[in-house]
Amino acid sequence: MSIDPTPSQRDADSSLLEGLFQLVVSGHTGGSEFEQLTHEVYGRLLDAYAATDGKTSVMFRRTAA
């Protein structure tokens, strides 16, 4: 089983990260758009690492803004 993303999935991931980055750079980290993007990126990270062989014991922790 391969966990390599398809080109369209990589584009979507890049777009999410770019949007999140732009909000951080502009200082707009208190709004709902930032919260939505953060939630989506966080979920995708958890999904990606949960798809590994199970030997990874990395725990992502959300920090309060």
PDB file of N, CA and C in Angstrom:
ATOM      1  N   MET A   1       0.843  -1.181   0.000  1.00  0.00           N
ATOM      2  CA  MET A   1       0.000   0.000   0.000  1.00  0.00           C
ATOM      3  C   MET A   1       0.887   1.243   0.000  1.00  0.00           C
ATOM      4  N   SER A   2       0.623   2.144  -0.902  1.00  0.00           N
ATOM      5  CA  SER A   2       1.405   3.365  -1.020  1.00  0.00           C
ATOM      6  C   SER A   2       0.655   4.525  -0.377  1.00  0.00           C
ATOM      7  N   ILE A   3       1.395   5.363   0.345  1.00  0.00           N
ATOM      8  CA  ILE A   3       0.770   6.536   0.943  1.00  0.00           C
ATOM      9  C   ILE A   3       1.171   7.802   0.198  1.00  0.00           C
ATOM     10  N   ASP A   4       1.814   7.626  -0.973  1.00  0.00           N
ATOM     11  CA  ASP A   4       2.189   8.781  -1.781  1.00  0.00           C
ATOM     12  C   ASP A   4       0.937   9.447  -2.322  1.00  0.00           C
ATOM     13  N   PRO A   5       0.818  10.762  -2.147  1.00  0.00           N
ATOM     14  CA  PRO A   5      -0.365  11.454  -2.640  1.00  0.00           C
ATOM     15  C   PRO A   5      -0.349  11.587  -4.162  1.00  0.00           C
ATOM     16  N   THR A   6      -1.522  11.695  -4.721  1.00  0.00           N
ATOM     17  CA  THR A   6      -1.650  11.938  -6.152  1.00  0.00           C
ATOM     18  C   THR A   6      -1.285  13.402  -6.426  1.00  0.00           C
ATOM     19  N   PRO A   7      -0.992  13.748  -7.694  1.00  0.00           N
ATOM     20  CA  PRO A   7      -0.671  15.163  -7.989  1.00  0.00           C
ATOM     21  C   PRO A   7      -1.773  16.123  -7.568  1.00  0.00           C
ATOM     22  N   SER A   8      -3.034  15.773  -7.786  1.00  0.00           N
ATOM     23  CA  SER A   8      -4.117  16.684  -7.394  1.00  0.00           C
ATOM     24  C   SER A   8      -4.214  16.814  -5.878  1.00  0.00           C
ATOM     25  N   GLN A   9      -3.913  15.734  -5.159  1.00  0.00           N
ATOM     26  CA  GLN A   9      -3.929  15.795  -3.695  1.00  0.00           C
ATOM     27  C   GLN A   9      -2.780  16.665  -3.188  1.00  0.00           C
ATOM     28  N   ARG A  10      -1.615  16.553  -3.835  1.00  0.00           N
ATOM     29  CA  ARG A  10      -0.482  17.403  -3.450  1.00  0.00           C
ATOM     30  C   ARG A  10      -0.817  18.872  -3.683  1.00  0.00           C
ATOM     31  N   ASP A  11      -1.499  19.172  -4.791  1.00  0.00           N
ATOM     32  CA  ASP A  11      -1.902  20.549  -5.070  1.00  0.00           C
ATOM     33  C   ASP A  11      -2.853  21.064  -3.997  1.00  0.00           C
ATOM     34  N   ALA A  12      -3.805  20.246  -3.611  1.00  0.00           N
ATOM     35  CA  ALA A  12      -4.760  20.642  -2.569  1.00  0.00           C
ATOM     36  C   ALA A  12      -4.041  20.855  -1.238  1.00  0.00           C
ATOM     37  N   ASP A  13      -3.104  19.957  -0.911  1.00  0.00           N
ATOM     38  CA  ASP A  13      -2.338  20.101   0.326  1.00  0.00           C
ATOM     39  C   ASP A  13      -1.508  21.375   0.307  1.00  0.00           C
ATOM     40  N   SER A  14      -0.876  21.643  -0.828  1.00  0.00           N
ATOM     41  CA  SER A  14      -0.066  22.859  -0.964  1.00  0.00           C
ATOM     42  C   SER A  14      -0.922  24.100  -0.810  1.00  0.00           C
ATOM     43  N   SER A  15      -2.108  24.055  -1.374  1.00  0.00           N
ATOM     44  CA  SER A  15      -3.020  25.188  -1.292  1.00  0.00           C
ATOM     45  C   SER A  15      -3.448  25.447   0.154  1.00  0.00           C
ATOM     46  N   LEU A  16      -3.745  24.378   0.882  1.00  0.00           N
ATOM     47  CA  LEU A  16      -4.116  24.530   2.296  1.00  0.00           C
ATOM     48  C   LEU A  16      -2.979  25.148   3.095  1.00  0.00           C
ATOM     49  N   LEU A  17      -1.776  24.633   2.891  1.00  0.00           N
ATOM     50  CA  LEU A  17      -0.626  25.153   3.631  1.00  0.00           C
ATOM     51  C   LEU A  17      -0.322  26.594   3.252  1.00  0.00           C
ATOM     52  N   GLU A  18      -0.454  26.912   1.974  1.00  0.00           N
ATOM     53  CA  GLU A  18      -0.230  28.293   1.530  1.00  0.00           C
ATOM     54  C   GLU A  18      -1.247  29.231   2.167  1.00  0.00           C
ATOM     55  N   GLY A  19      -2.507  28.823   2.205  1.00  0.00           N
ATOM     56  CA  GLY A  19      -3.532  29.645   2.833  1.00  0.00           C
ATOM     57  C   GLY A  19      -3.257  29.859   4.312  1.00  0.00           C
ATOM     58  N   LEU A  20      -2.858  28.802   4.989  1.00  0.00           N
ATOM     59  CA  LEU A  20      -2.538  28.899   6.411  1.00  0.00           C
ATOM     60  C   LEU A  20      -1.343  29.826   6.633  1.00  0.00           C
ATOM     61  N   PHE A  21      -0.322  29.660   5.799  1.00  0.00           N
ATOM     62  CA  PHE A  21       0.870  30.502   5.883  1.00  0.00           C
ATOM     63  C   PHE A  21       0.519  31.973   5.688  1.00  0.00           C
ATOM     64  N   GLN A  22      -0.295  32.264   4.675  1.00  0.00           N
ATOM     65  CA  GLN A  22      -0.664  33.655   4.403  1.00  0.00           C
ATOM     66  C   GLN A  22      -1.429  34.275   5.565  1.00  0.00           C
ATOM     67  N   LEU A  23      -2.297  33.507   6.196  1.00  0.00           N
ATOM     68  CA  LEU A  23      -3.029  34.029   7.351  1.00  0.00           C
ATOM     69  C   LEU A  23      -2.083  34.324   8.511  1.00  0.00           C
ATOM     70  N   VAL A  24      -1.115  33.456   8.728  1.00  0.00           N
ATOM     71  CA  VAL A  24      -0.151  33.659   9.816  1.00  0.00           C
ATOM     72  C   VAL A  24       0.703  34.896   9.537  1.00  0.00           C
ATOM     73  N   VAL A  25       1.217  35.005   8.309  1.00  0.00           N
ATOM     74  CA  VAL A  25       2.067  36.136   7.950  1.00  0.00           C
ATOM     75  C   VAL A  25       1.322  37.460   8.090  1.00  0.00           C
ATOM     76  N   SER A  26       0.052  37.460   7.722  1.00  0.00           N
ATOM     77  CA  SER A  26      -0.726  38.694   7.801  1.00  0.00           C
ATOM     78  C   SER A  26      -1.291  38.955   9.203  1.00  0.00           C
ATOM     79  N   GLY A  27      -1.085  38.012  10.112  1.00  0.00           N
ATOM     80  CA  GLY A  27      -1.534  38.201  11.494  1.00  0.00           C
ATOM     81  C   GLY A  27      -2.997  37.878  11.733  1.00  0.00           C
ATOM     82  N   HIS A  28      -3.630  37.211  10.797  1.00  0.00           N
ATOM     83  CA  HIS A  28      -5.056  36.883  10.935  1.00  0.00           C
ATOM     84  C   HIS A  28      -5.235  35.465  11.491  1.00  0.00           C
ATOM     85  N   THR A  29      -4.820  35.287  12.720  1.00  0.00           N
ATOM     86  CA  THR A  29      -4.879  33.958  13.327  1.00  0.00           C
ATOM     87  C   THR A  29      -6.040  33.795  14.307  1.00  0.00           C
ATOM     88  N   GLY A  30      -6.888  34.777  14.404  1.00  0.00           N
ATOM     89  CA  GLY A  30      -7.989  34.694  15.350  1.00  0.00           C
ATOM     90  C   GLY A  30      -9.341  34.414  14.714  1.00  0.00           C
ATOM     91  N   GLY A  31      -9.380  34.283  13.405  1.00  0.00           N
ATOM     92  CA  GLY A  31     -10.654  34.127  12.723  1.00  0.00           C
ATOM     93  C   GLY A  31     -11.046  32.694  12.452  1.00  0.00           C
ATOM     94  N   SER A  32     -12.248  32.551  11.933  1.00  0.00           N
ATOM     95  CA  SER A  32     -12.773  31.215  11.648  1.00  0.00           C
ATOM     96  C   SER A  32     -12.058  30.544  10.471  1.00  0.00           C
ATOM     97  N   GLU A  33     -11.613  31.334   9.485  1.00  0.00           N
ATOM     98  CA  GLU A  33     -10.892  30.747   8.349  1.00  0.00           C
ATOM     99  C   GLU A  33      -9.591  30.100   8.816  1.00  0.00           C
ATOM    100  N   PHE A  34      -8.873  30.782   9.707  1.00  0.00           N
ATOM    101  CA  PHE A  34      -7.635  30.224  10.262  1.00  0.00           C
ATOM    102  C   PHE A  34      -7.941  28.942  11.025  1.00  0.00           C
ATOM    103  N   GLU A  35      -8.996  28.965  11.813  1.00  0.00           N
ATOM    104  CA  GLU A  35      -9.370  27.781  12.600  1.00  0.00           C
ATOM    105  C   GLU A  35      -9.720  26.613  11.686  1.00  0.00           C
ATOM    106  N   GLN A  36     -10.450  26.874  10.613  1.00  0.00           N
ATOM    107  CA  GLN A  36     -10.815  25.818   9.668  1.00  0.00           C
ATOM    108  C   GLN A  36      -9.584  25.216   8.999  1.00  0.00           C
ATOM    109  N   LEU A  37      -8.685  26.077   8.531  1.00  0.00           N
ATOM    110  CA  LEU A  37      -7.474  25.590   7.875  1.00  0.00           C
ATOM    111  C   LEU A  37      -6.595  24.808   8.848  1.00  0.00           C
ATOM    112  N   THR A  38      -6.462  25.323  10.058  1.00  0.00           N
ATOM    113  CA  THR A  38      -5.662  24.631  11.071  1.00  0.00           C
ATOM    114  C   THR A  38      -6.238  23.246  11.342  1.00  0.00           C
ATOM    115  N   HIS A  39      -7.549  23.174  11.477  1.00  0.00           N
ATOM    116  CA  HIS A  39      -8.212  21.904  11.747  1.00  0.00           C
ATOM    117  C   HIS A  39      -7.995  20.919  10.590  1.00  0.00           C
ATOM    118  N   GLU A  40      -8.116  21.390   9.366  1.00  0.00           N
ATOM    119  CA  GLU A  40      -7.948  20.534   8.193  1.00  0.00           C
ATOM    120  C   GLU A  40      -6.508  20.023   8.067  1.00  0.00           C
ATOM    121  N   VAL A  41      -5.539  20.930   8.243  1.00  0.00           N
ATOM    122  CA  VAL A  41      -4.122  20.535   8.158  1.00  0.00           C
ATOM    123  C   VAL A  41      -3.789  19.546   9.267  1.00  0.00           C
ATOM    124  N   TYR A  42      -4.243  19.822  10.465  1.00  0.00           N
ATOM    125  CA  TYR A  42      -4.003  18.942  11.609  1.00  0.00           C
ATOM    126  C   TYR A  42      -4.582  17.547  11.347  1.00  0.00           C
ATOM    127  N   GLY A  43      -5.804  17.505  10.841  1.00  0.00           N
ATOM    128  CA  GLY A  43      -6.442  16.224  10.526  1.00  0.00           C
ATOM    129  C   GLY A  43      -5.685  15.452   9.467  1.00  0.00           C
ATOM    130  N   ARG A  44      -5.207  16.161   8.448  1.00  0.00           N
ATOM    131  CA  ARG A  44      -4.448  15.484   7.385  1.00  0.00           C
ATOM    132  C   ARG A  44      -3.118  14.952   7.905  1.00  0.00           C
ATOM    133  N   LEU A  45      -2.481  15.701   8.804  1.00  0.00           N
ATOM    134  CA  LEU A  45      -1.241  15.196   9.403  1.00  0.00           C
ATOM    135  C   LEU A  45      -1.506  13.920  10.198  1.00  0.00           C
ATOM    136  N   LEU A  46      -2.566  13.924  10.984  1.00  0.00           N
ATOM    137  CA  LEU A  46      -2.904  12.725  11.748  1.00  0.00           C
ATOM    138  C   LEU A  46      -3.213  11.547  10.828  1.00  0.00           C
ATOM    139  N   ASP A  47      -3.961  11.803   9.762  1.00  0.00           N
ATOM    140  CA  ASP A  47      -4.278  10.748   8.799  1.00  0.00           C
ATOM    141  C   ASP A  47      -3.019  10.211   8.142  1.00  0.00           C
ATOM    142  N   ALA A  48      -2.108  11.091   7.774  1.00  0.00           N
ATOM    143  CA  ALA A  48      -0.883  10.681   7.090  1.00  0.00           C
ATOM    144  C   ALA A  48      -0.010   9.816   7.993  1.00  0.00           C
ATOM    145  N   TYR A  49       0.126  10.212   9.240  1.00  0.00           N
ATOM    146  CA  TYR A  49       0.985   9.443  10.125  1.00  0.00           C
ATOM    147  C   TYR A  49       0.304   8.202  10.657  1.00  0.00           C
ATOM    148  N   ALA A  50      -1.008   8.187  10.683  1.00  0.00           N
ATOM    149  CA  ALA A  50      -1.731   6.979  11.087  1.00  0.00           C
ATOM    150  C   ALA A  50      -1.646   5.926   9.984  1.00  0.00           C
ATOM    151  N   ALA A  51      -1.355   6.345   8.755  1.00  0.00           N
ATOM    152  CA  ALA A  51      -1.259   5.425   7.621  1.00  0.00           C
ATOM    153  C   ALA A  51       0.102   4.750   7.545  1.00  0.00           C
ATOM    154  N   THR A  52       1.010   5.055   8.445  1.00  0.00           N
ATOM    155  CA  THR A  52       2.320   4.416   8.442  1.00  0.00           C
ATOM    156  C   THR A  52       2.192   3.023   9.040  1.00  0.00           C
ATOM    157  N   ASP A  53       3.289   2.379   9.249  1.00  0.00           N
ATOM    158  CA  ASP A  53       3.282   0.982   9.689  1.00  0.00           C
ATOM    159  C   ASP A  53       2.900   0.790  11.157  1.00  0.00           C
ATOM    160  N   GLY A  54       2.538   1.825  11.838  1.00  0.00           N
ATOM    161  CA  GLY A  54       2.109   1.697  13.228  1.00  0.00           C
ATOM    162  C   GLY A  54       3.240   1.800  14.232  1.00  0.00           C
ATOM    163  N   LYS A  55       4.465   1.901  13.759  1.00  0.00           N
ATOM    164  CA  LYS A  55       5.612   1.986  14.668  1.00  0.00           C
ATOM    165  C   LYS A  55       5.919   3.413  15.076  1.00  0.00           C
ATOM    166  N   THR A  56       5.306   4.361  14.403  1.00  0.00           N
ATOM    167  CA  THR A  56       5.530   5.753  14.731  1.00  0.00           C
ATOM    168  C   THR A  56       4.707   6.123  15.954  1.00  0.00           C
ATOM    169  N   SER A  57       5.371   6.626  16.948  1.00  0.00           N
ATOM    170  CA  SER A  57       4.643   6.996  18.171  1.00  0.00           C
ATOM    171  C   SER A  57       4.700   8.507  18.370  1.00  0.00           C
ATOM    172  N   VAL A  58       4.560   9.242  17.289  1.00  0.00           N
ATOM    173  CA  VAL A  58       4.565  10.699  17.357  1.00  0.00           C
ATOM    174  C   VAL A  58       3.182  11.173  17.742  1.00  0.00           C
ATOM    175  N   MET A  59       3.127  12.063  18.695  1.00  0.00           N
ATOM    176  CA  MET A  59       1.849  12.614  19.111  1.00  0.00           C
ATOM    177  C   MET A  59       1.864  14.102  18.804  1.00  0.00           C
ATOM    178  N   PHE A  60       0.893  14.538  18.017  1.00  0.00           N
ATOM    179  CA  PHE A  60       0.768  15.957  17.725  1.00  0.00           C
ATOM    180  C   PHE A  60      -0.084  16.580  18.818  1.00  0.00           C
ATOM    181  N   ARG A  61       0.352  17.701  19.307  1.00  0.00           N
ATOM    182  CA  ARG A  61      -0.401  18.400  20.341  1.00  0.00           C
ATOM    183  C   ARG A  61      -0.776  19.772  19.838  1.00  0.00           C
ATOM    184  N   ARG A  62      -2.026  20.108  19.993  1.00  0.00           N
ATOM    185  CA  ARG A  62      -2.478  21.438  19.615  1.00  0.00           C
ATOM    186  C   ARG A  62      -2.134  22.382  20.745  1.00  0.00           C
ATOM    187  N   THR A  63      -1.654  23.532  20.376  1.00  0.00           N
ATOM    188  CA  THR A  63      -1.338  24.537  21.387  1.00  0.00           C
ATOM    189  C   THR A  63      -2.362  25.652  21.299  1.00  0.00           C
ATOM    190  N   ALA A  64      -2.655  26.222  22.412  1.00  0.00           N
ATOM    191  CA  ALA A  64      -3.601  27.329  22.447  1.00  0.00           C
ATOM    192  C   ALA A  64      -2.949  28.553  21.826  1.00  0.00           C
ATOM    193  N   ALA A  65      -3.712  29.243  21.016  1.00  0.00           N
ATOM    194  CA  ALA A  65      -3.166  30.440  20.348  1.00  0.00           C
ATOM    195  C   ALA A  65      -3.171  31.622  21.271  1.00  0.00           C
TER     196      ALA A  65
END
